Amino acid sequence: MIRFFPSAGEDREESKPSKRFLEIKDPYWETESWNPLEVSESIPPRIRFVDGVRRTEYRVNIFDGNRFAGEGIFLSLGAGVVEVDLSGVRPEYRLLLWKVERFFVHNAEGVEIPPSWRLETDGGLLEFKTVRSPIAEISEYGNLLMKKLEVSTFRETDDGETPVVMDGPVKLKKFLPNVVYLVKEAKYFYLKGFEKHLFTLKRGYRTPFFLFEEGVKTLSDKGFIDRKVSKVGGYVRIGGDNSHGGFGDPLGGLARLEIPHGGDRNLSKEILERGAAIAVFFANRSLRDARSPQNLTTIAYLEKELRRRLGEYKVIRRMVGNLLLSLLG
């Protein structure tokens, strides 16, 4: 008899693991001097932003009788694209596309799991599709499903011309002339030997762009494998200026822009510079968002819309729990 028990390791919105910085390949990719550079690119009249949200509805331990068989998580994933039109008197936000997918991801061995889980709610039918993770780390596999959903929403709306800011690190290996990636997390800085330059940045200024190498995991038939990815990027200060002895984290107002390496050099600089200008322009404020300033106002808007479409967490969690309880007879 298969039994499902709530797991103590509950986390509604699990953070994605940090990428692994390998080395700076060319710190002087843009310029021979490492003096701060003022962001000067103009803001385009139309910009699109791509982001996703992930929520763990329920985490379980799976038993076959008294034998521990594995773990499982009920995941709700949302991704979307919002377009901002700045050509009028006031900015206009348009939600171009949104998607919600739900999965029960597990790594159980030797048991038969229901192919799907259906819940009847006031808002209609919710269905979690069962997916067996090819690796033991089910949460990491959930991150891959999240990435796929974000990429699919981007591809369905991209016209190849409108500037696009994708939240998070590089998701597509191919260099695209209208896409830049904004990395909000600032736990690890990719500037070994050049960290001091981050402390001198004022708001609206950036570091020179540099070439660096990162270690990432990709999924193959044999599971996840490590590979190296070359990127071009740089840091821009979009928050408060602590360069003159101000209080707070002196590195807290920084964001990193990055793109895949391999495109035309001048075009790459143009894309990154434009991304830096967009980040400064849409920087959030602490009164509106605890993750300010890096969680741009446009991204915060998109995340709010996506979470609303995921449904009420407490209701879904209770219904999943009741469903699992019913299986125990």
C-alpha atoms as a PDB file:
ATOM      1  CA  MET A   1       0.000   0.000   0.000  1.00  0.00           C
ATOM      2  CA  ILE A   2       1.372   3.404  -1.005  1.00  0.00           C
ATOM      3  CA  ARG A   3       1.213   6.017   1.730  1.00  0.00           C
ATOM      4  CA  PHE A   4       1.942   9.732   1.597  1.00  0.00           C
ATOM      5  CA  PHE A   5       2.957  11.653   4.711  1.00  0.00           C
ATOM      6  CA  PRO A   6       3.574  15.405   5.059  1.00  0.00           C
ATOM      7  CA  SER A   7       7.242  16.316   5.066  1.00  0.00           C
ATOM      8  CA  ALA A   8       8.729  18.661   7.644  1.00  0.00           C
ATOM      9  CA  GLY A   9      10.902  20.298   4.980  1.00  0.00           C
ATOM     10  CA  GLU A  10       8.216  22.665   3.756  1.00  0.00           C
ATOM     11  CA  ASP A  11       9.121  25.769   1.767  1.00  0.00           C
ATOM     12  CA  ARG A  12       6.487  27.550  -0.316  1.00  0.00           C
ATOM     13  CA  GLU A  13       8.873  29.380  -2.598  1.00  0.00           C
ATOM     14  CA  GLU A  14      12.199  27.616  -2.694  1.00  0.00           C
ATOM     15  CA  SER A  15      15.106  29.677  -3.901  1.00  0.00           C
ATOM     16  CA  LYS A  16      16.968  28.538  -6.953  1.00  0.00           C
ATOM     17  CA  PRO A  17      20.530  27.383  -6.300  1.00  0.00           C
ATOM     18  CA  SER A  18      23.196  29.936  -7.101  1.00  0.00           C
ATOM     19  CA  LYS A  19      25.250  29.410 -10.212  1.00  0.00           C
ATOM     20  CA  ARG A  20      28.890  28.564  -9.773  1.00  0.00           C
ATOM     21  CA  PHE A  21      31.299  31.299 -10.809  1.00  0.00           C
ATOM     22  CA  LEU A  22      34.461  29.881 -12.333  1.00  0.00           C
ATOM     23  CA  GLU A  23      36.621  32.814 -13.394  1.00  0.00           C
ATOM     24  CA  ILE A  24      36.819  36.148 -15.170  1.00  0.00           C
ATOM     25  CA  LYS A  25      38.092  35.323 -18.644  1.00  0.00           C
ATOM     26  CA  ASP A  26      38.637  38.926 -19.712  1.00  0.00           C
ATOM     27  CA  PRO A  27      38.072  41.783 -17.232  1.00  0.00           C
ATOM     28  CA  TYR A  28      38.986  44.292 -19.951  1.00  0.00           C
ATOM     29  CA  TRP A  29      36.467  43.033 -22.505  1.00  0.00           C
ATOM     30  CA  GLU A  30      34.968  46.526 -22.864  1.00  0.00           C
ATOM     31  CA  THR A  31      37.676  48.926 -21.758  1.00  0.00           C
ATOM     32  CA  GLU A  32      41.230  48.963 -20.421  1.00  0.00           C
ATOM     33  CA  SER A  33      40.196  51.164 -17.483  1.00  0.00           C
ATOM     34  CA  TRP A  34      37.999  50.025 -14.611  1.00  0.00           C
ATOM     35  CA  ASN A  35      36.631  53.445 -13.760  1.00  0.00           C
ATOM     36  CA  PRO A  36      32.845  53.614 -13.098  1.00  0.00           C
ATOM     37  CA  LEU A  37      30.816  54.425 -16.207  1.00  0.00           C
ATOM     38  CA  GLU A  38      27.625  56.459 -16.186  1.00  0.00           C
ATOM     39  CA  VAL A  39      24.608  54.709 -17.699  1.00  0.00           C
ATOM     40  CA  SER A  40      23.633  56.864 -20.668  1.00  0.00           C
ATOM     41  CA  GLU A  41      21.479  54.709 -22.967  1.00  0.00           C
ATOM     42  CA  SER A  42      17.942  56.006 -23.546  1.00  0.00           C
ATOM     43  CA  ILE A  43      14.889  53.981 -22.543  1.00  0.00           C
ATOM     44  CA  PRO A  44      13.035  52.408 -25.504  1.00  0.00           C
ATOM     45  CA  PRO A  45       9.309  53.216 -25.840  1.00  0.00           C
ATOM     46  CA  ARG A  46       8.284  49.572 -25.496  1.00  0.00           C
ATOM     47  CA  ILE A  47       9.897  46.920 -23.304  1.00  0.00           C
ATOM     48  CA  ARG A  48       8.898  43.381 -22.434  1.00  0.00           C
ATOM     49  CA  PHE A  49       9.677  41.584 -19.190  1.00  0.00           C
ATOM     50  CA  VAL A  50       9.643  37.803 -18.689  1.00  0.00           C
ATOM     51  CA  ASP A  51       9.480  36.125 -15.300  1.00  0.00           C
ATOM     52  CA  GLY A  52       8.014  33.172 -13.472  1.00  0.00           C
ATOM     53  CA  VAL A  53       6.898  32.148  -9.996  1.00  0.00           C
ATOM     54  CA  ARG A  54       7.159  28.800  -8.290  1.00  0.00           C
ATOM     55  CA  ARG A  55       5.189  27.637  -5.282  1.00  0.00           C
ATOM     56  CA  THR A  56       5.394  24.383  -3.371  1.00  0.00           C
ATOM     57  CA  GLU A  57       1.864  23.475  -2.366  1.00  0.00           C
ATOM     58  CA  TYR A  58       2.722  20.319  -0.454  1.00  0.00           C
ATOM     59  CA  ARG A  59       5.780  18.193   0.200  1.00  0.00           C
ATOM     60  CA  VAL A  60       5.465  14.505   1.085  1.00  0.00           C
ATOM     61  CA  ASN A  61       7.437  11.424   2.016  1.00  0.00           C
ATOM     62  CA  ILE A  62       6.310   8.367   0.061  1.00  0.00           C
ATOM     63  CA  PHE A  63       6.129   4.909   1.657  1.00  0.00           C
ATOM     64  CA  ASP A  64       5.401   1.533   0.134  1.00  0.00           C
ATOM     65  CA  GLY A  65       3.951  -0.128   3.203  1.00  0.00           C
ATOM     66  CA  ASN A  66       6.627   0.512   5.793  1.00  0.00           C
ATOM     67  CA  ARG A  67       9.384   0.980   3.199  1.00  0.00           C
ATOM     68  CA  PHE A  68      10.490   4.523   2.422  1.00  0.00           C
ATOM     69  CA  ALA A  69      10.211   4.865  -1.375  1.00  0.00           C
ATOM     70  CA  GLY A  70      11.082   8.500  -2.007  1.00  0.00           C
ATOM     71  CA  GLU A  71       9.948  12.104  -1.826  1.00  0.00           C
ATOM     72  CA  GLY A  72       7.411  14.183  -3.719  1.00  0.00           C
ATOM     73  CA  ILE A  73       6.365  17.809  -4.105  1.00  0.00           C
ATOM     74  CA  PHE A  74       3.178  19.321  -5.454  1.00  0.00           C
ATOM     75  CA  LEU A  75       4.307  22.340  -7.479  1.00  0.00           C
ATOM     76  CA  SER A  76       2.369  25.215  -9.015  1.00  0.00           C
ATOM     77  CA  LEU A  77       4.353  27.112 -11.640  1.00  0.00           C
ATOM     78  CA  GLY A  78       3.455  30.346 -13.379  1.00  0.00           C
ATOM     79  CA  ALA A  79       5.227  32.320 -16.098  1.00  0.00           C
ATOM     80  CA  GLY A  80       4.308  35.335 -18.156  1.00  0.00           C
ATOM     81  CA  VAL A  81       5.279  38.297 -20.285  1.00  0.00           C
ATOM     82  CA  VAL A  82       4.326  41.887 -19.530  1.00  0.00           C
ATOM     83  CA  GLU A  83       4.841  44.722 -22.000  1.00  0.00           C
ATOM     84  CA  VAL A  84       5.343  48.286 -20.835  1.00  0.00           C
ATOM     85  CA  ASP A  85       4.423  51.079 -23.220  1.00  0.00           C
ATOM     86  CA  LEU A  86       6.119  54.387 -22.372  1.00  0.00           C
ATOM     87  CA  SER A  87       4.944  56.300 -25.429  1.00  0.00           C
ATOM     88  CA  GLY A  88       1.944  57.881 -23.672  1.00  0.00           C
ATOM     89  CA  VAL A  89       1.563  60.299 -20.791  1.00  0.00           C
ATOM     90  CA  ARG A  90       1.713  57.468 -18.261  1.00  0.00           C
ATOM     91  CA  PRO A  91       3.318  54.005 -18.522  1.00  0.00           C
ATOM     92  CA  GLU A  92       0.860  51.345 -19.671  1.00  0.00           C
ATOM     93  CA  TYR A  93       1.267  47.742 -18.554  1.00  0.00           C
ATOM     94  CA  ARG A  94      -0.099  44.928 -20.737  1.00  0.00           C
ATOM     95  CA  LEU A  95      -0.014  41.275 -19.705  1.00  0.00           C
ATOM     96  CA  LEU A  96       0.661  39.690 -23.086  1.00  0.00           C
ATOM     97  CA  LEU A  97       0.692  36.058 -21.991  1.00  0.00           C
ATOM     98  CA  TRP A  98       0.533  34.006 -18.837  1.00  0.00           C
ATOM     99  CA  LYS A  99       0.675  30.258 -18.180  1.00  0.00           C
ATOM    100  CA  VAL A 100       0.129  28.096 -15.115  1.00  0.00           C
ATOM    101  CA  GLU A 101       1.270  24.483 -14.910  1.00  0.00           C
ATOM    102  CA  ARG A 102       1.044  22.109 -11.955  1.00  0.00           C
ATOM    103  CA  PHE A 103       3.139  19.037 -11.276  1.00  0.00           C
ATOM    104  CA  PHE A 104       3.624  16.324  -8.707  1.00  0.00           C
ATOM    105  CA  VAL A 105       7.363  15.724  -8.963  1.00  0.00           C
ATOM    106  CA  HIS A 106       8.717  12.614  -7.224  1.00  0.00           C
ATOM    107  CA  ASN A 107      11.741  10.323  -7.115  1.00  0.00           C
ATOM    108  CA  ALA A 108      10.021   7.222  -5.709  1.00  0.00           C
ATOM    109  CA  GLU A 109      11.366   3.799  -6.678  1.00  0.00           C
ATOM    110  CA  GLY A 110       9.345   0.629  -7.202  1.00  0.00           C
ATOM    111  CA  VAL A 111       5.860   2.085  -6.730  1.00  0.00           C
ATOM    112  CA  GLU A 112       3.036   3.135  -9.021  1.00  0.00           C
ATOM    113  CA  ILE A 113       2.024   6.769  -8.591  1.00  0.00           C
ATOM    114  CA  PRO A 114      -1.278   8.113  -9.955  1.00  0.00           C
ATOM    115  CA  PRO A 115      -0.631   9.787 -13.357  1.00  0.00           C
ATOM    116  CA  SER A 116      -2.437  12.917 -12.218  1.00  0.00           C
ATOM    117  CA  TRP A 117      -4.149  14.461  -9.204  1.00  0.00           C
ATOM    118  CA  ARG A 118      -7.401  16.359  -9.654  1.00  0.00           C
ATOM    119  CA  LEU A 119      -8.893  18.843  -7.232  1.00  0.00           C
ATOM    120  CA  GLU A 120     -12.347  20.376  -7.532  1.00  0.00           C
ATOM    121  CA  THR A 121     -12.309  24.024  -6.409  1.00  0.00           C
ATOM    122  CA  ASP A 122     -14.724  26.934  -6.628  1.00  0.00           C
ATOM    123  CA  GLY A 123     -12.604  28.243  -9.477  1.00  0.00           C
ATOM    124  CA  GLY A 124     -12.790  24.982 -11.427  1.00  0.00           C
ATOM    125  CA  LEU A 125     -10.670  21.861 -11.808  1.00  0.00           C
ATOM    126  CA  LEU A 126      -7.006  21.879 -10.794  1.00  0.00           C
ATOM    127  CA  GLU A 127      -4.817  19.073 -12.079  1.00  0.00           C
ATOM    128  CA  PHE A 128      -1.281  18.190 -10.984  1.00  0.00           C
ATOM    129  CA  LYS A 129       0.507  16.081 -13.579  1.00  0.00           C
ATOM    130  CA  THR A 130       2.758  13.397 -12.118  1.00  0.00           C
ATOM    131  CA  VAL A 131       6.361  13.583 -13.313  1.00  0.00           C
ATOM    132  CA  ARG A 132       9.161  11.346 -12.109  1.00  0.00           C
ATOM    133  CA  SER A 133      12.395  13.241 -11.643  1.00  0.00           C
ATOM    134  CA  PRO A 134      15.409  11.677 -13.397  1.00  0.00           C
ATOM    135  CA  ILE A 135      17.561  12.847 -10.500  1.00  0.00           C
ATOM    136  CA  ALA A 136      17.261  12.517  -6.729  1.00  0.00           C
ATOM    137  CA  GLU A 137      17.026  16.289  -6.189  1.00  0.00           C
ATOM    138  CA  ILE A 138      13.349  16.807  -6.995  1.00  0.00           C
ATOM    139  CA  SER A 139      13.487  20.507  -6.135  1.00  0.00           C
ATOM    140  CA  GLU A 140      16.260  21.047  -8.651  1.00  0.00           C
ATOM    141  CA  TYR A 141      14.230  19.262 -11.298  1.00  0.00           C
ATOM    142  CA  GLY A 142      11.348  21.578 -10.414  1.00  0.00           C
ATOM    143  CA  ASN A 143      13.638  24.495 -11.238  1.00  0.00           C
ATOM    144  CA  LEU A 144      14.177  23.017 -14.695  1.00  0.00           C
ATOM    145  CA  LEU A 145      10.411  22.777 -15.263  1.00  0.00           C
ATOM    146  CA  MET A 146      10.156  26.420 -14.187  1.00  0.00           C
ATOM    147  CA  LYS A 147      12.840  27.463 -16.659  1.00  0.00           C
ATOM    148  CA  LYS A 148      11.117  25.610 -19.506  1.00  0.00           C
ATOM    149  CA  LEU A 149       7.842  27.378 -18.774  1.00  0.00           C
ATOM    150  CA  GLU A 150       9.499  30.812 -18.780  1.00  0.00           C
ATOM    151  CA  VAL A 151      11.290  30.095 -22.057  1.00  0.00           C
ATOM    152  CA  SER A 152       8.071  28.895 -23.708  1.00  0.00           C
ATOM    153  CA  THR A 153       6.218  32.106 -22.783  1.00  0.00           C
ATOM    154  CA  PHE A 154       9.086  34.162 -24.169  1.00  0.00           C
ATOM    155  CA  ARG A 155       9.171  32.258 -27.464  1.00  0.00           C
ATOM    156  CA  GLU A 156       5.425  32.613 -27.980  1.00  0.00           C
ATOM    157  CA  THR A 157       5.576  36.408 -27.692  1.00  0.00           C
ATOM    158  CA  ASP A 158       9.012  37.395 -29.002  1.00  0.00           C
ATOM    159  CA  ASP A 159       9.031  39.389 -32.237  1.00  0.00           C
ATOM    160  CA  GLY A 160      12.825  39.607 -32.441  1.00  0.00           C
ATOM    161  CA  GLU A 161      12.801  43.393 -32.179  1.00  0.00           C
ATOM    162  CA  THR A 162      11.145  44.593 -28.968  1.00  0.00           C
ATOM    163  CA  PRO A 163      13.712  44.764 -26.132  1.00  0.00           C
ATOM    164  CA  VAL A 164      13.209  41.956 -23.615  1.00  0.00           C
ATOM    165  CA  VAL A 165      14.426  41.725 -20.020  1.00  0.00           C
ATOM    166  CA  MET A 166      14.363  38.177 -18.684  1.00  0.00           C
ATOM    167  CA  ASP A 167      14.492  37.907 -14.911  1.00  0.00           C
ATOM    168  CA  GLY A 168      17.273  35.653 -13.672  1.00  0.00           C
ATOM    169  CA  PRO A 169      20.469  34.288 -15.237  1.00  0.00           C
ATOM    170  CA  VAL A 170      20.880  33.364 -18.908  1.00  0.00           C
ATOM    171  CA  LYS A 171      18.237  30.822 -19.934  1.00  0.00           C
ATOM    172  CA  LEU A 172      18.945  30.498 -23.659  1.00  0.00           C
ATOM    173  CA  LYS A 173      22.379  29.533 -24.927  1.00  0.00           C
ATOM    174  CA  LYS A 174      21.883  31.451 -28.166  1.00  0.00           C
ATOM    175  CA  PHE A 175      22.766  35.138 -28.304  1.00  0.00           C
ATOM    176  CA  LEU A 176      19.653  37.153 -29.157  1.00  0.00           C
ATOM    177  CA  PRO A 177      19.990  40.810 -30.238  1.00  0.00           C
ATOM    178  CA  ASN A 178      17.015  42.014 -28.182  1.00  0.00           C
ATOM    179  CA  VAL A 179      17.347  40.011 -24.945  1.00  0.00           C
ATOM    180  CA  VAL A 180      19.203  40.848 -21.733  1.00  0.00           C
ATOM    181  CA  TYR A 181      19.098  38.991 -18.421  1.00  0.00           C
ATOM    182  CA  LEU A 182      18.798  40.683 -15.027  1.00  0.00           C
ATOM    183  CA  VAL A 183      20.211  38.811 -12.027  1.00  0.00           C
ATOM    184  CA  LYS A 184      18.771  40.066  -8.735  1.00  0.00           C
ATOM    185  CA  GLU A 185      20.639  37.821  -6.320  1.00  0.00           C
ATOM    186  CA  ALA A 186      23.743  39.473  -4.956  1.00  0.00           C
ATOM    187  CA  LYS A 187      25.138  36.782  -2.669  1.00  0.00           C
ATOM    188  CA  TYR A 188      28.168  36.106  -4.823  1.00  0.00           C
ATOM    189  CA  PHE A 189      29.937  38.712  -6.907  1.00  0.00           C
ATOM    190  CA  TYR A 190      31.691  37.617 -10.065  1.00  0.00           C
ATOM    191  CA  LEU A 191      34.624  39.981  -9.717  1.00  0.00           C
ATOM    192  CA  LYS A 192      37.524  38.159  -8.133  1.00  0.00           C
ATOM    193  CA  GLY A 193      40.252  40.730  -7.759  1.00  0.00           C
ATOM    194  CA  PHE A 194      37.981  43.620  -8.757  1.00  0.00           C
ATOM    195  CA  GLU A 195      35.520  43.696  -5.848  1.00  0.00           C
ATOM    196  CA  LYS A 196      36.675  47.111  -4.623  1.00  0.00           C
ATOM    197  CA  HIS A 197      35.157  48.772  -7.679  1.00  0.00           C
ATOM    198  CA  LEU A 198      31.653  47.828  -6.541  1.00  0.00           C
ATOM    199  CA  PHE A 199      31.988  50.051  -3.468  1.00  0.00           C
ATOM    200  CA  THR A 200      32.671  53.156  -5.547  1.00  0.00           C
ATOM    201  CA  LEU A 201      29.596  52.918  -7.757  1.00  0.00           C
ATOM    202  CA  LYS A 202      26.979  55.640  -7.414  1.00  0.00           C
ATOM    203  CA  ARG A 203      23.380  55.170  -8.455  1.00  0.00           C
ATOM    204  CA  GLY A 204      23.119  55.239 -12.252  1.00  0.00           C
ATOM    205  CA  TYR A 205      26.702  54.071 -12.727  1.00  0.00           C
ATOM    206  CA  ARG A 206      28.021  50.680 -13.764  1.00  0.00           C
ATOM    207  CA  THR A 207      31.187  48.674 -13.986  1.00  0.00           C
ATOM    208  CA  PRO A 208      32.788  48.004 -17.360  1.00  0.00           C
ATOM    209  CA  PHE A 209      31.394  44.887 -19.002  1.00  0.00           C
ATOM    210  CA  PHE A 210      33.570  41.809 -18.611  1.00  0.00           C
ATOM    211  CA  LEU A 211      33.767  38.266 -19.940  1.00  0.00           C
ATOM    212  CA  PHE A 212      33.329  35.521 -17.358  1.00  0.00           C
ATOM    213  CA  GLU A 213      32.743  31.803 -17.143  1.00  0.00           C
ATOM    214  CA  GLU A 214      30.103  30.052 -15.095  1.00  0.00           C
ATOM    215  CA  GLY A 215      29.477  26.440 -14.194  1.00  0.00           C
ATOM    216  CA  VAL A 216      25.895  25.283 -14.756  1.00  0.00           C
ATOM    217  CA  LYS A 217      24.073  21.969 -14.705  1.00  0.00           C
ATOM    218  CA  THR A 218      22.204  20.705 -17.753  1.00  0.00           C
ATOM    219  CA  LEU A 219      19.983  17.666 -17.990  1.00  0.00           C
ATOM    220  CA  SER A 220      20.999  14.752 -20.202  1.00  0.00           C
ATOM    221  CA  ASP A 221      19.847  11.146 -20.563  1.00  0.00           C
ATOM    222  CA  LYS A 222      22.235  10.273 -17.744  1.00  0.00           C
ATOM    223  CA  GLY A 223      21.039  13.007 -15.406  1.00  0.00           C
ATOM    224  CA  PHE A 224      22.534  16.409 -14.726  1.00  0.00           C
ATOM    225  CA  ILE A 225      25.987  17.125 -16.083  1.00  0.00           C
ATOM    226  CA  ASP A 226      28.275  20.076 -15.385  1.00  0.00           C
ATOM    227  CA  ARG A 227      29.298  22.331 -18.241  1.00  0.00           C
ATOM    228  CA  LYS A 228      30.920  25.714 -18.708  1.00  0.00           C
ATOM    229  CA  VAL A 229      29.080  28.726 -20.098  1.00  0.00           C
ATOM    230  CA  SER A 230      30.736  31.941 -21.258  1.00  0.00           C
ATOM    231  CA  LYS A 231      28.873  35.179 -20.594  1.00  0.00           C
ATOM    232  CA  VAL A 232      29.387  38.911 -20.859  1.00  0.00           C
ATOM    233  CA  GLY A 233      28.029  41.048 -18.043  1.00  0.00           C
ATOM    234  CA  GLY A 234      28.493  43.873 -15.622  1.00  0.00           C
ATOM    235  CA  TYR A 235      27.132  45.392 -12.415  1.00  0.00           C
ATOM    236  CA  VAL A 236      24.995  48.500 -12.157  1.00  0.00           C
ATOM    237  CA  ARG A 237      23.927  50.333  -9.035  1.00  0.00           C
ATOM    238  CA  ILE A 238      20.197  50.883  -9.172  1.00  0.00           C
ATOM    239  CA  GLY A 239      19.627  51.484  -5.453  1.00  0.00           C
ATOM    240  CA  GLY A 240      20.892  53.816  -2.757  1.00  0.00           C
ATOM    241  CA  ASP A 241      24.423  55.155  -2.866  1.00  0.00           C
ATOM    242  CA  ASN A 242      26.624  53.997   0.023  1.00  0.00           C
ATOM    243  CA  SER A 243      29.902  55.121  -1.452  1.00  0.00           C
ATOM    244  CA  HIS A 244      30.205  58.044   0.977  1.00  0.00           C
ATOM    245  CA  GLY A 245      29.749  56.229   4.245  1.00  0.00           C
ATOM    246  CA  GLY A 246      25.991  55.685   4.116  1.00  0.00           C
ATOM    247  CA  PHE A 247      24.313  53.079   6.293  1.00  0.00           C
ATOM    248  CA  GLY A 248      23.126  49.726   5.084  1.00  0.00           C
ATOM    249  CA  ASP A 249      24.662  47.086   2.847  1.00  0.00           C
ATOM    250  CA  PRO A 250      27.004  48.858   0.418  1.00  0.00           C
ATOM    251  CA  LEU A 251      26.440  46.065  -2.093  1.00  0.00           C
ATOM    252  CA  GLY A 252      22.683  45.822  -1.612  1.00  0.00           C
ATOM    253  CA  GLY A 253      21.713  48.148  -4.449  1.00  0.00           C
ATOM    254  CA  LEU A 254      23.531  46.275  -7.192  1.00  0.00           C
ATOM    255  CA  ALA A 255      22.163  44.168 -10.032  1.00  0.00           C
ATOM    256  CA  ARG A 256      24.020  42.202 -12.678  1.00  0.00           C
ATOM    257  CA  LEU A 257      23.204  42.294 -16.364  1.00  0.00           C
ATOM    258  CA  GLU A 258      24.405  39.406 -18.503  1.00  0.00           C
ATOM    259  CA  ILE A 259      24.056  37.862 -21.969  1.00  0.00           C
ATOM    260  CA  PRO A 260      25.565  34.799 -23.661  1.00  0.00           C
ATOM    261  CA  HIS A 261      28.987  35.426 -25.129  1.00  0.00           C
ATOM    262  CA  GLY A 262      29.288  35.124 -28.882  1.00  0.00           C
ATOM    263  CA  GLY A 263      27.384  38.030 -30.372  1.00  0.00           C
ATOM    264  CA  ASP A 264      28.738  41.086 -32.130  1.00  0.00           C
ATOM    265  CA  ARG A 265      30.794  43.088 -29.635  1.00  0.00           C
ATOM    266  CA  ASN A 266      29.225  46.476 -30.326  1.00  0.00           C
ATOM    267  CA  LEU A 267      25.723  45.024 -30.298  1.00  0.00           C
ATOM    268  CA  SER A 268      26.469  43.182 -27.052  1.00  0.00           C
ATOM    269  CA  LYS A 269      27.571  46.443 -25.423  1.00  0.00           C
ATOM    270  CA  GLU A 270      24.438  48.174 -26.689  1.00  0.00           C
ATOM    271  CA  ILE A 271      22.157  45.461 -25.261  1.00  0.00           C
ATOM    272  CA  LEU A 272      23.848  45.476 -21.864  1.00  0.00           C
ATOM    273  CA  GLU A 273      23.915  49.270 -21.664  1.00  0.00           C
ATOM    274  CA  ARG A 274      20.231  49.418 -22.536  1.00  0.00           C
ATOM    275  CA  GLY A 275      19.528  46.764 -19.879  1.00  0.00           C
ATOM    276  CA  ALA A 276      21.381  48.839 -17.294  1.00  0.00           C
ATOM    277  CA  ALA A 277      19.309  51.928 -18.176  1.00  0.00           C
ATOM    278  CA  ILE A 278      16.077  49.927 -17.896  1.00  0.00           C
ATOM    279  CA  ALA A 279      17.131  48.537 -14.509  1.00  0.00           C
ATOM    280  CA  VAL A 280      17.861  52.019 -13.143  1.00  0.00           C
ATOM    281  CA  PHE A 281      14.598  53.405 -14.531  1.00  0.00           C
ATOM    282  CA  PHE A 282      12.373  50.641 -13.101  1.00  0.00           C
ATOM    283  CA  ALA A 283      14.231  50.134  -9.796  1.00  0.00           C
ATOM    284  CA  ASN A 284      11.788  49.392  -6.997  1.00  0.00           C
ATOM    285  CA  ARG A 285      11.438  51.127  -3.624  1.00  0.00           C
ATOM    286  CA  SER A 286      11.551  49.496  -0.209  1.00  0.00           C
ATOM    287  CA  LEU A 287       8.135  50.871   0.762  1.00  0.00           C
ATOM    288  CA  ARG A 288       6.610  48.881  -2.102  1.00  0.00           C
ATOM    289  CA  ASP A 289       8.743  45.740  -2.152  1.00  0.00           C
ATOM    290  CA  ALA A 290      11.009  44.171   0.451  1.00  0.00           C
ATOM    291  CA  ARG A 291      13.200  42.878  -2.392  1.00  0.00           C
ATOM    292  CA  SER A 292      13.855  46.348  -3.724  1.00  0.00           C
ATOM    293  CA  PRO A 293      15.548  47.778  -5.637  1.00  0.00           C
ATOM    294  CA  GLN A 294      16.514  44.743  -7.755  1.00  0.00           C
ATOM    295  CA  ASN A 295      12.975  43.382  -8.014  1.00  0.00           C
ATOM    296  CA  LEU A 296      11.988  45.895 -10.671  1.00  0.00           C
ATOM    297  CA  THR A 297       8.507  47.422 -10.483  1.00  0.00           C
ATOM    298  CA  THR A 298       7.566  45.657 -13.718  1.00  0.00           C
ATOM    299  CA  ILE A 299       8.748  42.284 -12.423  1.00  0.00           C
ATOM    300  CA  ALA A 300       6.910  42.825  -9.132  1.00  0.00           C
ATOM    301  CA  TYR A 301       3.736  43.583 -11.098  1.00  0.00           C
ATOM    302  CA  LEU A 302       4.123  40.434 -13.187  1.00  0.00           C
ATOM    303  CA  GLU A 303       4.819  38.251 -10.149  1.00  0.00           C
ATOM    304  CA  LYS A 304       1.728  39.596  -8.393  1.00  0.00           C
ATOM    305  CA  GLU A 305      -0.441  38.778 -11.406  1.00  0.00           C
ATOM    306  CA  LEU A 306       1.031  35.292 -11.708  1.00  0.00           C
ATOM    307  CA  ARG A 307       0.610  34.464  -8.013  1.00  0.00           C
ATOM    308  CA  ARG A 308      -3.017  35.523  -8.216  1.00  0.00           C
ATOM    309  CA  ARG A 309      -3.501  33.057 -11.049  1.00  0.00           C
ATOM    310  CA  LEU A 310      -1.878  30.243  -9.071  1.00  0.00           C
ATOM    311  CA  GLY A 311      -4.876  30.295  -6.735  1.00  0.00           C
ATOM    312  CA  GLU A 312      -5.184  30.574  -2.960  1.00  0.00           C
ATOM    313  CA  TYR A 313      -2.312  28.730  -1.315  1.00  0.00           C
ATOM    314  CA  LYS A 314      -4.141  27.780   1.886  1.00  0.00           C
ATOM    315  CA  VAL A 315      -7.110  26.386  -0.025  1.00  0.00           C
ATOM    316  CA  ILE A 316      -5.015  24.317  -2.433  1.00  0.00           C
ATOM    317  CA  ARG A 317      -2.785  23.014   0.331  1.00  0.00           C
ATOM    318  CA  ARG A 318      -5.770  21.947   2.416  1.00  0.00           C
ATOM    319  CA  MET A 319      -7.354  20.173  -0.548  1.00  0.00           C
ATOM    320  CA  VAL A 320      -4.147  18.324  -1.408  1.00  0.00           C
ATOM    321  CA  GLY A 321      -3.831  17.255   2.237  1.00  0.00           C
ATOM    322  CA  ASN A 322      -7.413  16.001   2.300  1.00  0.00           C
ATOM    323  CA  LEU A 323      -6.852  14.067  -0.931  1.00  0.00           C
ATOM    324  CA  LEU A 324      -3.763  12.369   0.450  1.00  0.00           C
ATOM    325  CA  LEU A 325      -5.571  11.577   3.671  1.00  0.00           C
ATOM    326  CA  SER A 326      -8.380   9.902   1.718  1.00  0.00           C
ATOM    327  CA  LEU A 327      -5.859   7.535   0.108  1.00  0.00           C
ATOM    328  CA  LEU A 328      -5.035   6.107   3.547  1.00  0.00           C
ATOM    329  CA  GLY A 329      -8.572   4.844   3.789  1.00  0.00           C
END
